[in-house]
Amino acid sequence: MKFNSLRAYFYKLHNLLYLALLPPLLIFTYLYLENYASIVKVIVLSPMLSLAIMSFLLLIFIAQWIRRKRLINIRILVSLNDRLEQYASMLILQFFILCAASYVLVLAFYLMKDQLFIALFGTQLVFYSVFWPTPRKVCHDLKLKKDERNVVLNKIDLKA
């Protein structure tokens, strides 16, 4: 992801992540409203329900594992530009994996109409907000030094 300034960096990153989050949210909302009257509470865990939950949790685990491994490598880079570009690509990959987990929930909700998936989808939205990139979060994740932290927090233009 190429950027000219930190404002452009966060603007492009946020727009891309919003686009990734929009389809599962719209599909889930549509399915919820379409099937609202027919939702019944399921007490017994069926094999399909277990498979859906395990797939969801596995995808979240994979996203976190990739994030942790890539952050270690990103922190080693010398240039702030390089670290920000690698951080953006890592974050985009993480969000696309989280979106895949959202699609698992959407499909499971469509097939089983279980209220558990409503709660899990709400939890998934909390995951998105926890990992949403803000200047402060970028500084924390990359463990920036004081001068680099000031550049990112104040969105000062970077010299290439």
Protein backbone atom coordinates (compact mmCIF):
# COMPACT_ATOMS: atom_id res chain seq x y z
CA MET A 1 0.00 0.00 0.00
CA LYS A 2 1.63 3.23 -1.14
CA PHE A 3 0.98 6.45 0.75
CA ASN A 4 2.23 10.02 0.63
CA SER A 5 1.45 11.02 4.18
CA LEU A 6 0.27 9.43 7.40
CA ARG A 7 -3.16 10.95 6.91
CA ALA A 8 -3.38 9.19 3.55
CA TYR A 9 -2.03 6.00 5.15
CA PHE A 10 -4.79 5.83 7.77
CA TYR A 11 -7.42 7.01 5.29
CA LYS A 12 -6.57 4.26 2.78
CA LEU A 13 -6.21 1.62 5.47
CA HIS A 14 -9.54 2.45 7.10
CA ASN A 15 -11.37 2.54 3.77
CA LEU A 16 -9.99 -0.83 2.75
CA LEU A 17 -10.93 -2.39 6.08
CA TYR A 18 -14.44 -0.88 5.94
CA LEU A 19 -14.89 -2.44 2.50
CA ALA A 20 -13.79 -5.80 3.86
CA LEU A 21 -16.21 -5.62 6.80
CA LEU A 22 -19.25 -4.40 4.91
CA PRO A 23 -20.32 -7.57 3.01
CA PRO A 24 -20.50 -9.96 6.00
CA LEU A 25 -22.27 -7.32 8.07
CA LEU A 26 -24.86 -6.64 5.36
CA ILE A 27 -25.44 -10.32 4.65
CA PHE A 28 -25.82 -11.14 8.34
CA THR A 29 -28.21 -8.23 8.87
CA TYR A 30 -30.31 -9.30 5.90
CA LEU A 31 -30.46 -12.92 7.07
CA TYR A 32 -31.28 -11.87 10.61
CA LEU A 33 -34.14 -9.65 9.51
CA GLU A 34 -35.37 -12.22 6.98
CA ASN A 35 -35.44 -15.07 9.48
CA TYR A 36 -36.24 -13.17 12.67
CA ALA A 37 -39.61 -14.83 13.19
CA SER A 38 -38.31 -18.36 12.62
CA ILE A 39 -35.32 -18.23 14.98
CA VAL A 40 -35.64 -20.83 17.69
CA LYS A 41 -33.29 -21.61 20.53
CA VAL A 42 -31.31 -24.82 20.03
CA ILE A 43 -30.12 -26.46 23.21
CA VAL A 44 -28.40 -29.56 21.80
CA LEU A 45 -25.02 -29.09 20.10
CA SER A 46 -25.29 -30.74 16.72
CA PRO A 47 -22.16 -31.80 14.81
CA MET A 48 -22.76 -29.03 12.27
CA LEU A 49 -23.05 -26.45 15.03
CA SER A 50 -19.82 -27.70 16.60
CA LEU A 51 -18.05 -27.62 13.23
CA ALA A 52 -19.15 -24.03 12.62
CA ILE A 53 -17.99 -22.87 16.06
CA MET A 54 -14.66 -24.69 15.74
CA SER A 55 -14.10 -23.20 12.26
CA PHE A 56 -14.85 -19.74 13.59
CA LEU A 57 -12.46 -20.14 16.52
CA LEU A 58 -9.76 -21.68 14.31
CA LEU A 59 -9.87 -18.73 11.92
CA ILE A 60 -9.59 -16.26 14.80
CA PHE A 61 -6.64 -18.23 16.18
CA ILE A 62 -4.94 -18.23 12.76
CA ALA A 63 -5.45 -14.47 12.42
CA GLN A 64 -3.89 -13.86 15.83
CA TRP A 65 -1.00 -16.24 15.18
CA ILE A 66 -0.18 -14.55 11.86
CA ARG A 67 -0.43 -11.14 13.51
CA ARG A 68 1.97 -12.10 16.29
CA LYS A 69 4.52 -13.71 13.95
CA ARG A 70 4.49 -10.86 11.45
CA LEU A 71 4.69 -8.15 14.13
CA ILE A 72 7.93 -9.66 15.38
CA ASN A 73 9.44 -9.37 11.89
CA ILE A 74 8.00 -5.89 11.26
CA ARG A 75 9.50 -4.42 14.44
CA ILE A 76 12.99 -5.33 13.21
CA LEU A 77 12.75 -3.15 10.09
CA VAL A 78 14.76 0.08 10.16
CA SER A 79 12.64 2.48 8.11
CA LEU A 80 9.36 3.77 9.55
CA ASN A 81 7.89 3.74 6.02
CA ASP A 82 8.75 0.06 5.63
CA ARG A 83 7.30 -0.79 9.03
CA LEU A 84 4.07 1.06 8.26
CA GLU A 85 3.71 -0.63 4.86
CA GLN A 86 4.34 -4.08 6.34
CA TYR A 87 1.99 -3.32 9.24
CA ALA A 88 -0.74 -2.36 6.77
CA SER A 89 -0.32 -5.57 4.78
CA MET A 90 -0.33 -7.64 8.01
CA LEU A 91 -3.46 -5.86 9.22
CA ILE A 92 -5.25 -6.31 5.90
CA LEU A 93 -4.46 -10.04 5.95
CA GLN A 94 -5.67 -10.30 9.54
CA PHE A 95 -8.93 -8.52 8.74
CA PHE A 96 -9.58 -10.69 5.69
CA ILE A 97 -9.13 -13.80 7.84
CA LEU A 98 -11.51 -12.29 10.41
CA CYS A 99 -13.94 -11.59 7.56
CA ALA A 100 -13.68 -15.26 6.57
CA ALA A 101 -14.64 -16.10 10.17
CA SER A 102 -17.61 -13.73 9.78
CA TYR A 103 -18.66 -15.57 6.62
CA VAL A 104 -18.53 -18.86 8.55
CA LEU A 105 -20.93 -17.32 11.07
CA VAL A 106 -23.19 -15.95 8.33
CA LEU A 107 -23.36 -19.32 6.61
CA ALA A 108 -23.94 -21.17 9.87
CA PHE A 109 -26.68 -18.72 10.87
CA TYR A 110 -28.31 -19.14 7.46
CA LEU A 111 -28.24 -22.93 7.67
CA MET A 112 -29.08 -23.44 11.35
CA LYS A 113 -30.89 -20.27 12.45
CA ASP A 114 -29.38 -20.58 15.92
CA GLN A 115 -29.27 -17.55 18.23
CA LEU A 116 -25.75 -18.49 19.28
CA PHE A 117 -24.49 -17.14 15.95
CA ILE A 118 -26.04 -13.77 16.68
CA ALA A 119 -23.98 -13.56 19.87
CA LEU A 120 -20.85 -14.79 18.09
CA PHE A 121 -21.32 -12.25 15.32
CA GLY A 122 -21.62 -9.49 17.93
CA THR A 123 -18.42 -10.80 19.50
CA GLN A 124 -16.79 -10.71 16.07
CA LEU A 125 -17.68 -7.02 15.77
CA VAL A 126 -15.90 -6.44 19.09
CA PHE A 127 -12.82 -8.15 17.62
CA TYR A 128 -12.90 -5.70 14.73
CA SER A 129 -13.01 -2.73 17.07
CA VAL A 130 -10.18 -4.09 19.24
CA PHE A 131 -7.85 -4.50 16.27
CA TRP A 132 -8.94 -1.36 14.41
CA PRO A 133 -5.86 0.68 13.44
CA THR A 134 -5.53 4.00 15.20
CA PRO A 135 -2.32 6.03 15.47
CA ARG A 136 -2.01 5.06 19.14
CA LYS A 137 -2.53 1.37 18.36
CA VAL A 138 0.06 1.49 15.56
CA CYS A 139 2.58 3.04 17.96
CA HIS A 140 1.87 0.38 20.56
CA ASP A 141 2.00 -2.55 18.13
CA LEU A 142 5.21 -1.41 16.45
CA LYS A 143 6.81 -0.31 19.75
CA LEU A 144 7.88 2.98 18.21
CA LYS A 145 10.50 5.23 19.76
CA LYS A 146 9.55 8.68 20.99
CA ASP A 147 10.36 10.62 17.80
CA GLU A 148 8.65 8.02 15.60
CA ARG A 149 5.66 7.98 17.96
CA ASN A 150 5.32 11.75 17.63
CA VAL A 151 5.40 11.49 13.84
CA VAL A 152 2.65 8.84 13.80
CA LEU A 153 0.46 10.38 16.52
CA ASN A 154 0.61 13.84 14.94
CA LYS A 155 0.37 12.39 11.39
CA ILE A 156 3.39 14.35 10.23
CA ASP A 157 4.37 13.75 6.59
CA LEU A 158 7.20 11.28 6.09
CA LYS A 159 10.15 12.01 3.88
CA ALA A 160 10.64 9.12 1.45
